[in-house]
């Protein structure tokens, strides 16, 4: 339980509290963990297999399409789950089984790809790019960019132009 708590606390500290998708994912992880513990930690393999088998259905595809169209906006996990016709918990599990990452991680990867493209093709400032991509602050953008790409946005831009 201590290890799980540290994992959740770290996840919340690394993400901007104004980012509802990250907060909701962490809440869902906590509640899912607790529900499993209260049920005696029994896993239903048939349900897990069914979730994986149905992950590529058209409703999940619609949720992905919505994310691609709105990745610069604040996206609510409940909206995505409703599009996919799943509960919040089942949507997050299905999404991760399908793509190997959570919806928030996927949204960040979309934002980082667009950030790299904009850094290469425009003269926009890093601040302008970060806000245009939906980040709550430039510091949040920097932190995620460095973690994702391995260099600062300025270093990335100068490396492209060199």
N, C-alpha and C. Protein backbone atom coordinates (compact mmCIF):
# COMPACT_ATOMS: atom_id res chain seq x y z
N UNK A 1 0.84 -1.19 0.00
CA UNK A 1 0.00 0.00 0.00
C UNK A 1 0.88 1.25 0.00
N UNK A 2 1.98 1.22 0.76
CA UNK A 2 2.88 2.39 0.77
C UNK A 2 3.45 2.65 -0.61
N UNK A 3 3.84 1.59 -1.30
CA UNK A 3 4.39 1.74 -2.65
C UNK A 3 3.38 2.34 -3.61
N UNK A 4 2.16 1.86 -3.53
CA UNK A 4 1.10 2.40 -4.39
C UNK A 4 0.85 3.86 -4.08
N UNK A 5 0.82 4.19 -2.79
CA UNK A 5 0.58 5.58 -2.41
C UNK A 5 1.68 6.48 -2.97
N UNK A 6 2.95 6.05 -2.84
CA UNK A 6 4.06 6.85 -3.38
C UNK A 6 3.91 7.04 -4.88
N UNK A 7 3.49 6.00 -5.57
CA UNK A 7 3.30 6.07 -7.03
C UNK A 7 2.23 7.10 -7.38
N UNK A 8 1.12 7.08 -6.67
CA UNK A 8 0.03 8.02 -6.94
C UNK A 8 0.44 9.44 -6.58
N UNK A 9 1.10 9.61 -5.45
CA UNK A 9 1.52 10.94 -5.02
C UNK A 9 2.53 11.52 -6.01
N UNK A 10 3.45 10.68 -6.46
CA UNK A 10 4.43 11.13 -7.45
C UNK A 10 3.74 11.54 -8.74
N UNK A 11 2.76 10.76 -9.17
CA UNK A 11 2.03 11.08 -10.40
C UNK A 11 1.34 12.43 -10.27
N UNK A 12 0.75 12.70 -9.13
CA UNK A 12 0.07 13.98 -8.94
C UNK A 12 1.06 15.14 -8.86
N UNK A 13 2.21 14.91 -8.25
CA UNK A 13 3.21 15.97 -8.14
C UNK A 13 3.85 16.30 -9.49
N UNK A 14 3.98 15.30 -10.36
CA UNK A 14 4.61 15.52 -11.66
C UNK A 14 3.69 16.25 -12.63
N UNK A 15 2.40 16.17 -12.39
CA UNK A 15 1.45 16.77 -13.32
C UNK A 15 0.87 18.04 -12.73
N UNK A 16 0.48 18.93 -13.60
CA UNK A 16 -0.14 20.17 -13.19
C UNK A 16 -1.53 19.86 -12.63
N UNK A 17 -1.83 20.32 -11.40
CA UNK A 17 -3.14 20.05 -10.81
C UNK A 17 -4.29 20.63 -11.63
N UNK A 18 -4.00 21.58 -12.51
CA UNK A 18 -5.04 22.16 -13.35
C UNK A 18 -5.35 21.26 -14.54
N UNK A 19 -4.61 20.19 -14.72
CA UNK A 19 -4.82 19.26 -15.83
C UNK A 19 -5.80 18.17 -15.38
N UNK A 20 -7.08 18.32 -15.70
CA UNK A 20 -8.09 17.40 -15.15
C UNK A 20 -7.88 15.95 -15.57
N UNK A 21 -7.38 15.70 -16.75
CA UNK A 21 -7.20 14.33 -17.22
C UNK A 21 -6.21 13.58 -16.33
N UNK A 22 -5.11 14.21 -15.96
CA UNK A 22 -4.10 13.57 -15.11
C UNK A 22 -4.66 13.29 -13.72
N UNK A 23 -5.35 14.26 -13.15
CA UNK A 23 -5.93 14.10 -11.82
C UNK A 23 -6.98 12.99 -11.84
N UNK A 24 -7.82 12.97 -12.86
CA UNK A 24 -8.87 11.96 -12.94
C UNK A 24 -8.30 10.56 -13.15
N UNK A 25 -7.22 10.45 -13.93
CA UNK A 25 -6.59 9.15 -14.11
C UNK A 25 -6.03 8.63 -12.79
N UNK A 26 -5.41 9.51 -12.02
CA UNK A 26 -4.86 9.11 -10.73
C UNK A 26 -5.98 8.70 -9.80
N UNK A 27 -7.08 9.45 -9.78
CA UNK A 27 -8.23 9.09 -8.96
C UNK A 27 -8.76 7.72 -9.37
N UNK A 28 -8.85 7.48 -10.67
CA UNK A 28 -9.35 6.20 -11.16
C UNK A 28 -8.43 5.06 -10.74
N UNK A 29 -7.13 5.28 -10.79
CA UNK A 29 -6.19 4.25 -10.37
C UNK A 29 -6.35 3.92 -8.89
N UNK A 30 -6.51 4.96 -8.07
CA UNK A 30 -6.69 4.76 -6.63
C UNK A 30 -7.97 3.97 -6.37
N UNK A 31 -9.07 4.41 -6.98
CA UNK A 31 -10.34 3.73 -6.75
C UNK A 31 -10.34 2.30 -7.27
N UNK A 32 -9.72 2.06 -8.41
CA UNK A 32 -9.63 0.72 -8.96
C UNK A 32 -8.82 -0.17 -8.02
N UNK A 33 -7.69 0.33 -7.54
CA UNK A 33 -6.86 -0.42 -6.61
C UNK A 33 -7.65 -0.77 -5.35
N UNK A 34 -8.33 0.22 -4.80
CA UNK A 34 -9.10 -0.01 -3.58
C UNK A 34 -10.23 -1.01 -3.80
N UNK A 35 -10.92 -0.91 -4.93
CA UNK A 35 -12.01 -1.86 -5.19
C UNK A 35 -11.47 -3.28 -5.32
N UNK A 36 -10.29 -3.44 -5.95
CA UNK A 36 -9.68 -4.77 -6.04
C UNK A 36 -9.31 -5.29 -4.66
N UNK A 37 -8.78 -4.40 -3.81
CA UNK A 37 -8.38 -4.82 -2.47
C UNK A 37 -9.61 -5.22 -1.64
N UNK A 38 -10.67 -4.45 -1.78
CA UNK A 38 -11.88 -4.75 -1.02
C UNK A 38 -12.56 -6.03 -1.50
N UNK A 39 -12.36 -6.39 -2.75
CA UNK A 39 -12.93 -7.63 -3.29
C UNK A 39 -12.02 -8.82 -3.05
N UNK A 40 -10.97 -8.64 -2.28
CA UNK A 40 -10.06 -9.73 -2.00
C UNK A 40 -9.00 -9.90 -3.08
N UNK A 41 -8.82 -8.88 -3.92
CA UNK A 41 -7.78 -8.86 -4.95
C UNK A 41 -7.95 -10.00 -5.95
N UNK A 42 -9.18 -10.42 -6.18
CA UNK A 42 -9.42 -11.45 -7.18
C UNK A 42 -9.52 -10.79 -8.54
N UNK A 43 -8.78 -11.32 -9.50
CA UNK A 43 -8.86 -10.79 -10.85
C UNK A 43 -9.70 -11.71 -11.69
N UNK A 44 -10.49 -11.13 -12.54
CA UNK A 44 -11.35 -11.90 -13.42
C UNK A 44 -10.68 -11.94 -14.79
N UNK A 45 -10.01 -13.06 -15.10
CA UNK A 45 -9.27 -13.16 -16.36
C UNK A 45 -10.18 -13.06 -17.57
N UNK A 46 -11.37 -13.59 -17.46
CA UNK A 46 -12.30 -13.52 -18.59
C UNK A 46 -12.65 -12.07 -18.90
N UNK A 47 -12.89 -11.27 -17.87
CA UNK A 47 -13.21 -9.85 -18.08
C UNK A 47 -12.01 -9.11 -18.66
N UNK A 48 -10.80 -9.43 -18.18
CA UNK A 48 -9.61 -8.78 -18.72
C UNK A 48 -9.40 -9.14 -20.19
N UNK A 49 -9.63 -10.39 -20.55
CA UNK A 49 -9.48 -10.80 -21.94
C UNK A 49 -10.53 -10.13 -22.82
N UNK A 50 -11.75 -10.02 -22.31
CA UNK A 50 -12.82 -9.38 -23.07
C UNK A 50 -12.50 -7.90 -23.28
N UNK A 51 -11.93 -7.26 -22.26
CA UNK A 51 -11.57 -5.84 -22.39
C UNK A 51 -10.50 -5.67 -23.47
N UNK A 52 -9.52 -6.55 -23.48
CA UNK A 52 -8.47 -6.47 -24.49
C UNK A 52 -9.00 -6.77 -25.88
N UNK A 53 -9.91 -7.74 -25.98
CA UNK A 53 -10.43 -8.13 -27.29
C UNK A 53 -11.32 -7.05 -27.89
N UNK A 54 -12.04 -6.33 -27.03
CA UNK A 54 -12.96 -5.32 -27.58
C UNK A 54 -12.34 -3.93 -27.62
N UNK A 55 -11.07 -3.81 -27.27
CA UNK A 55 -10.43 -2.49 -27.17
C UNK A 55 -10.37 -1.77 -28.51
N UNK A 56 -10.34 -2.50 -29.60
CA UNK A 56 -10.19 -1.86 -30.91
C UNK A 56 -11.53 -1.56 -31.57
N UNK A 57 -12.60 -1.55 -30.81
CA UNK A 57 -13.91 -1.32 -31.42
C UNK A 57 -14.08 0.13 -31.87
N UNK A 58 -15.15 0.37 -32.56
CA UNK A 58 -15.35 1.69 -33.17
C UNK A 58 -15.53 2.79 -32.13
N UNK A 59 -16.05 2.46 -30.96
CA UNK A 59 -16.23 3.49 -29.93
C UNK A 59 -14.88 3.97 -29.38
N UNK A 60 -13.94 3.05 -29.21
CA UNK A 60 -12.60 3.45 -28.79
C UNK A 60 -11.94 4.27 -29.89
N UNK A 61 -12.19 3.90 -31.14
CA UNK A 61 -11.65 4.66 -32.27
C UNK A 61 -12.21 6.08 -32.27
N UNK A 62 -13.49 6.22 -31.93
CA UNK A 62 -14.09 7.55 -31.86
C UNK A 62 -13.47 8.37 -30.74
N UNK A 63 -13.18 7.73 -29.61
CA UNK A 63 -12.53 8.44 -28.51
C UNK A 63 -11.13 8.90 -28.93
N UNK A 64 -10.41 8.05 -29.64
CA UNK A 64 -9.08 8.44 -30.14
C UNK A 64 -9.18 9.59 -31.13
N UNK A 65 -10.16 9.52 -32.00
CA UNK A 65 -10.36 10.60 -32.97
C UNK A 65 -10.66 11.91 -32.25
N UNK A 66 -11.49 11.84 -31.23
CA UNK A 66 -11.81 13.03 -30.43
C UNK A 66 -10.53 13.60 -29.81
N UNK A 67 -9.67 12.73 -29.28
CA UNK A 67 -8.42 13.19 -28.68
C UNK A 67 -7.55 13.88 -29.72
N UNK A 68 -7.50 13.33 -30.94
CA UNK A 68 -6.68 13.94 -31.99
C UNK A 68 -7.22 15.30 -32.40
N UNK A 69 -8.52 15.47 -32.34
CA UNK A 69 -9.13 16.75 -32.72
C UNK A 69 -9.04 17.79 -31.61
N UNK A 70 -8.95 17.34 -30.35
CA UNK A 70 -9.05 18.25 -29.21
C UNK A 70 -7.86 18.17 -28.26
N UNK A 71 -6.71 17.69 -28.70
CA UNK A 71 -5.60 17.50 -27.78
C UNK A 71 -5.05 18.81 -27.22
N UNK A 72 -5.38 19.95 -27.82
CA UNK A 72 -4.93 21.22 -27.27
C UNK A 72 -5.90 21.78 -26.22
N UNK A 73 -7.03 21.12 -26.06
CA UNK A 73 -8.04 21.55 -25.09
C UNK A 73 -7.89 20.74 -23.80
N UNK A 74 -8.52 21.21 -22.74
CA UNK A 74 -8.62 20.41 -21.53
C UNK A 74 -9.66 19.33 -21.80
N UNK A 75 -9.23 18.09 -21.71
CA UNK A 75 -10.13 16.97 -22.00
C UNK A 75 -10.46 16.28 -20.69
N UNK A 76 -11.72 15.96 -20.52
CA UNK A 76 -12.20 15.30 -19.33
C UNK A 76 -12.28 13.80 -19.59
N UNK A 77 -11.78 13.00 -18.67
CA UNK A 77 -11.77 11.55 -18.84
C UNK A 77 -13.19 11.00 -18.97
N UNK A 78 -14.14 11.63 -18.29
CA UNK A 78 -15.52 11.18 -18.38
C UNK A 78 -16.09 11.40 -19.78
N UNK A 79 -15.67 12.46 -20.45
CA UNK A 79 -16.10 12.71 -21.82
C UNK A 79 -15.59 11.61 -22.74
N UNK A 80 -14.31 11.28 -22.60
CA UNK A 80 -13.72 10.21 -23.42
C UNK A 80 -14.40 8.87 -23.14
N UNK A 81 -14.64 8.59 -21.87
CA UNK A 81 -15.30 7.33 -21.51
C UNK A 81 -16.71 7.27 -22.09
N UNK A 82 -17.41 8.38 -22.08
CA UNK A 82 -18.76 8.42 -22.65
C UNK A 82 -18.72 8.18 -24.15
N UNK A 83 -17.76 8.75 -24.83
CA UNK A 83 -17.63 8.54 -26.28
C UNK A 83 -17.37 7.06 -26.56
N UNK A 84 -16.54 6.43 -25.72
CA UNK A 84 -16.19 5.02 -25.89
C UNK A 84 -17.25 4.08 -25.31
N UNK A 85 -18.30 4.64 -24.72
CA UNK A 85 -19.37 3.87 -24.09
C UNK A 85 -18.85 2.92 -23.02
N UNK A 86 -18.00 3.46 -22.15
CA UNK A 86 -17.41 2.69 -21.07
C UNK A 86 -17.44 3.52 -19.78
N UNK A 87 -17.29 2.83 -18.68
CA UNK A 87 -17.09 3.56 -17.42
C UNK A 87 -15.69 4.16 -17.44
N UNK A 88 -15.46 5.09 -16.57
CA UNK A 88 -14.15 5.73 -16.48
C UNK A 88 -13.05 4.68 -16.28
N UNK A 89 -13.29 3.75 -15.35
CA UNK A 89 -12.28 2.74 -15.02
C UNK A 89 -12.03 1.80 -16.20
N UNK A 90 -13.11 1.35 -16.82
CA UNK A 90 -12.97 0.42 -17.94
C UNK A 90 -12.33 1.11 -19.14
N UNK A 91 -12.65 2.38 -19.36
CA UNK A 91 -12.05 3.11 -20.47
C UNK A 91 -10.54 3.21 -20.30
N UNK A 92 -10.09 3.61 -19.11
CA UNK A 92 -8.65 3.75 -18.87
C UNK A 92 -7.94 2.42 -19.05
N UNK A 93 -8.52 1.35 -18.50
CA UNK A 93 -7.91 0.01 -18.66
C UNK A 93 -7.87 -0.40 -20.11
N UNK A 94 -8.97 -0.21 -20.84
CA UNK A 94 -9.04 -0.60 -22.25
C UNK A 94 -8.08 0.22 -23.09
N UNK A 95 -8.00 1.50 -22.80
CA UNK A 95 -7.12 2.39 -23.55
C UNK A 95 -5.67 1.96 -23.36
N UNK A 96 -5.29 1.71 -22.10
CA UNK A 96 -3.91 1.31 -21.82
C UNK A 96 -3.61 -0.06 -22.44
N UNK A 97 -4.56 -0.96 -22.42
CA UNK A 97 -4.35 -2.27 -23.05
C UNK A 97 -4.17 -2.13 -24.56
N UNK A 98 -4.89 -1.20 -25.14
CA UNK A 98 -4.84 -1.01 -26.59
C UNK A 98 -3.58 -0.29 -27.03
N UNK A 99 -3.16 0.75 -26.31
CA UNK A 99 -2.05 1.60 -26.75
C UNK A 99 -0.79 1.52 -25.88
N UNK A 100 -0.89 0.87 -24.75
CA UNK A 100 0.28 0.76 -23.88
C UNK A 100 0.57 2.00 -23.06
N UNK A 101 -0.35 2.94 -23.04
CA UNK A 101 -0.20 4.15 -22.23
C UNK A 101 -1.59 4.65 -21.84
N UNK A 102 -1.62 5.51 -20.83
CA UNK A 102 -2.89 6.06 -20.38
C UNK A 102 -3.36 7.15 -21.33
N UNK A 103 -4.62 7.53 -21.27
CA UNK A 103 -5.10 8.63 -22.11
C UNK A 103 -4.29 9.92 -21.91
N UNK A 104 -3.93 10.22 -20.69
CA UNK A 104 -3.15 11.43 -20.43
C UNK A 104 -1.78 11.34 -21.08
N UNK A 105 -1.13 10.21 -20.95
CA UNK A 105 0.18 10.03 -21.57
C UNK A 105 0.07 10.15 -23.10
N UNK A 106 -1.00 9.61 -23.65
CA UNK A 106 -1.20 9.69 -25.10
C UNK A 106 -1.41 11.14 -25.53
N UNK A 107 -2.23 11.86 -24.76
CA UNK A 107 -2.47 13.27 -25.08
C UNK A 107 -1.15 14.06 -25.02
N UNK A 108 -0.33 13.77 -24.02
CA UNK A 108 0.96 14.45 -23.93
C UNK A 108 1.84 14.11 -25.12
N UNK A 109 1.79 12.87 -25.58
CA UNK A 109 2.61 12.50 -26.75
C UNK A 109 2.14 13.24 -27.99
N UNK A 110 0.83 13.43 -28.14
CA UNK A 110 0.31 14.22 -29.26
C UNK A 110 0.81 15.66 -29.16
N UNK A 111 0.74 16.22 -27.97
CA UNK A 111 1.19 17.59 -27.77
C UNK A 111 2.69 17.74 -28.04
N UNK A 112 3.47 16.75 -27.61
CA UNK A 112 4.92 16.83 -27.83
C UNK A 112 5.28 16.72 -29.31
N UNK A 113 4.58 15.89 -30.05
CA UNK A 113 4.84 15.78 -31.49
C UNK A 113 4.53 17.11 -32.18
N UNK A 114 3.42 17.73 -31.79
CA UNK A 114 3.08 19.02 -32.38
C UNK A 114 4.05 20.10 -31.92
N UNK A 115 4.50 20.04 -30.68
CA UNK A 115 5.48 21.02 -30.19
C UNK A 115 6.77 20.93 -30.99
N UNK A 116 7.24 19.71 -31.24
CA UNK A 116 8.46 19.55 -32.03
C UNK A 116 8.27 20.08 -33.45
N UNK A 117 7.10 19.82 -34.02
CA UNK A 117 6.82 20.33 -35.37
C UNK A 117 6.81 21.85 -35.39
N UNK A 118 6.16 22.46 -34.41
CA UNK A 118 6.09 23.93 -34.36
C UNK A 118 7.45 24.56 -34.08
N UNK A 119 8.24 23.92 -33.25
CA UNK A 119 9.58 24.44 -32.97
C UNK A 119 10.43 24.42 -34.23
N UNK A 120 10.19 23.45 -35.10
CA UNK A 120 10.96 23.34 -36.32
C UNK A 120 10.49 24.22 -37.45
N UNK A 121 9.20 24.52 -37.50
CA UNK A 121 8.68 25.23 -38.67
C UNK A 121 8.25 26.67 -38.41
N UNK A 122 8.22 27.09 -37.14
CA UNK A 122 7.78 28.46 -36.85
C UNK A 122 8.82 29.19 -36.02
N UNK A 123 8.64 30.47 -35.90
CA UNK A 123 9.48 31.31 -35.04
C UNK A 123 8.76 31.63 -33.74
N UNK A 124 7.62 30.98 -33.49
CA UNK A 124 6.84 31.25 -32.28
C UNK A 124 7.70 30.98 -31.05
N UNK A 125 7.45 31.75 -30.01
CA UNK A 125 8.20 31.56 -28.77
C UNK A 125 7.75 30.25 -28.11
N UNK A 126 8.59 29.75 -27.23
CA UNK A 126 8.26 28.54 -26.49
C UNK A 126 7.01 28.78 -25.65
N UNK A 127 6.89 29.95 -25.09
CA UNK A 127 5.70 30.29 -24.29
C UNK A 127 4.45 30.25 -25.15
N UNK A 128 4.51 30.85 -26.34
CA UNK A 128 3.34 30.83 -27.24
C UNK A 128 2.97 29.41 -27.63
N UNK A 129 3.96 28.60 -27.94
CA UNK A 129 3.71 27.21 -28.33
C UNK A 129 3.09 26.44 -27.17
N UNK A 130 3.64 26.64 -25.97
CA UNK A 130 3.12 25.89 -24.81
C UNK A 130 1.66 26.22 -24.55
N UNK A 131 1.30 27.49 -24.61
CA UNK A 131 -0.09 27.85 -24.35
C UNK A 131 -1.00 27.43 -25.50
N UNK A 132 -0.50 27.51 -26.73
CA UNK A 132 -1.31 27.08 -27.89
C UNK A 132 -1.61 25.59 -27.84
N UNK A 133 -0.73 24.83 -27.21
CA UNK A 133 -0.93 23.38 -27.12
C UNK A 133 -1.72 22.97 -25.87
N UNK A 134 -2.16 23.94 -25.10
CA UNK A 134 -3.05 23.63 -23.98
C UNK A 134 -2.37 23.43 -22.64
N UNK A 135 -1.09 23.74 -22.54
CA UNK A 135 -0.42 23.60 -21.25
C UNK A 135 -0.80 24.76 -20.35
N UNK A 136 -0.95 24.47 -19.07
CA UNK A 136 -1.38 25.49 -18.11
C UNK A 136 -0.27 26.49 -17.82
N UNK A 137 0.98 26.06 -17.99
CA UNK A 137 2.11 26.96 -17.73
C UNK A 137 3.29 26.56 -18.60
N UNK A 138 4.18 27.50 -18.79
CA UNK A 138 5.39 27.22 -19.55
C UNK A 138 6.28 26.24 -18.80
N UNK A 139 6.30 26.34 -17.48
CA UNK A 139 7.14 25.41 -16.70
C UNK A 139 6.64 23.97 -16.84
N UNK A 140 5.33 23.78 -16.89
CA UNK A 140 4.79 22.43 -17.11
C UNK A 140 5.23 21.92 -18.48
N UNK A 141 5.16 22.79 -19.49
CA UNK A 141 5.58 22.42 -20.83
C UNK A 141 7.06 22.03 -20.86
N UNK A 142 7.90 22.86 -20.25
CA UNK A 142 9.34 22.56 -20.20
C UNK A 142 9.60 21.21 -19.55
N UNK A 143 8.98 20.98 -18.39
CA UNK A 143 9.20 19.75 -17.64
C UNK A 143 8.83 18.53 -18.48
N UNK A 144 7.69 18.59 -19.13
CA UNK A 144 7.23 17.46 -19.93
C UNK A 144 8.06 17.32 -21.21
N UNK A 145 8.44 18.44 -21.82
CA UNK A 145 9.24 18.39 -23.04
C UNK A 145 10.60 17.74 -22.76
N UNK A 146 11.26 18.18 -21.71
CA UNK A 146 12.57 17.63 -21.36
C UNK A 146 12.45 16.14 -21.03
N UNK A 147 11.42 15.77 -20.29
CA UNK A 147 11.23 14.36 -19.94
C UNK A 147 10.95 13.52 -21.19
N UNK A 148 10.20 14.06 -22.11
CA UNK A 148 9.81 13.33 -23.31
C UNK A 148 10.89 13.30 -24.37
N UNK A 149 11.52 14.44 -24.63
CA UNK A 149 12.45 14.59 -25.75
C UNK A 149 13.91 14.47 -25.30
N UNK A 150 14.20 14.85 -24.06
CA UNK A 150 15.56 14.74 -23.55
C UNK A 150 16.37 16.02 -23.62
N UNK A 151 15.82 17.04 -24.23
CA UNK A 151 16.48 18.35 -24.31
C UNK A 151 15.43 19.43 -24.10
N UNK A 152 15.88 20.66 -23.84
CA UNK A 152 14.93 21.76 -23.70
C UNK A 152 14.38 22.13 -25.07
N UNK A 153 13.26 22.83 -25.11
CA UNK A 153 12.71 23.26 -26.41
C UNK A 153 13.71 24.10 -27.21
N UNK A 154 14.45 24.96 -26.54
CA UNK A 154 15.43 25.79 -27.26
C UNK A 154 16.55 24.93 -27.84
N UNK A 155 17.02 23.96 -27.07
CA UNK A 155 18.06 23.06 -27.57
C UNK A 155 17.54 22.24 -28.75
N UNK A 156 16.29 21.81 -28.66
CA UNK A 156 15.69 21.06 -29.77
C UNK A 156 15.63 21.92 -31.02
N UNK A 157 15.16 23.15 -30.86
CA UNK A 157 15.04 24.07 -32.01
C UNK A 157 16.41 24.35 -32.63
N UNK A 158 17.40 24.62 -31.82
CA UNK A 158 18.72 24.91 -32.36
C UNK A 158 19.33 23.66 -33.01
N UNK A 159 19.03 22.48 -32.50
CA UNK A 159 19.53 21.24 -33.10
C UNK A 159 18.93 20.97 -34.47
N UNK A 160 17.68 21.37 -34.67
CA UNK A 160 17.01 21.18 -35.96
C UNK A 160 17.62 22.12 -37.00
N UNK A 161 17.91 23.32 -36.57
CA UNK A 161 18.39 24.34 -37.51
C UNK A 161 19.89 24.23 -37.79
N UNK A 162 20.58 23.44 -37.00
CA UNK A 162 22.04 23.31 -37.19
C UNK A 162 22.39 22.46 -38.39
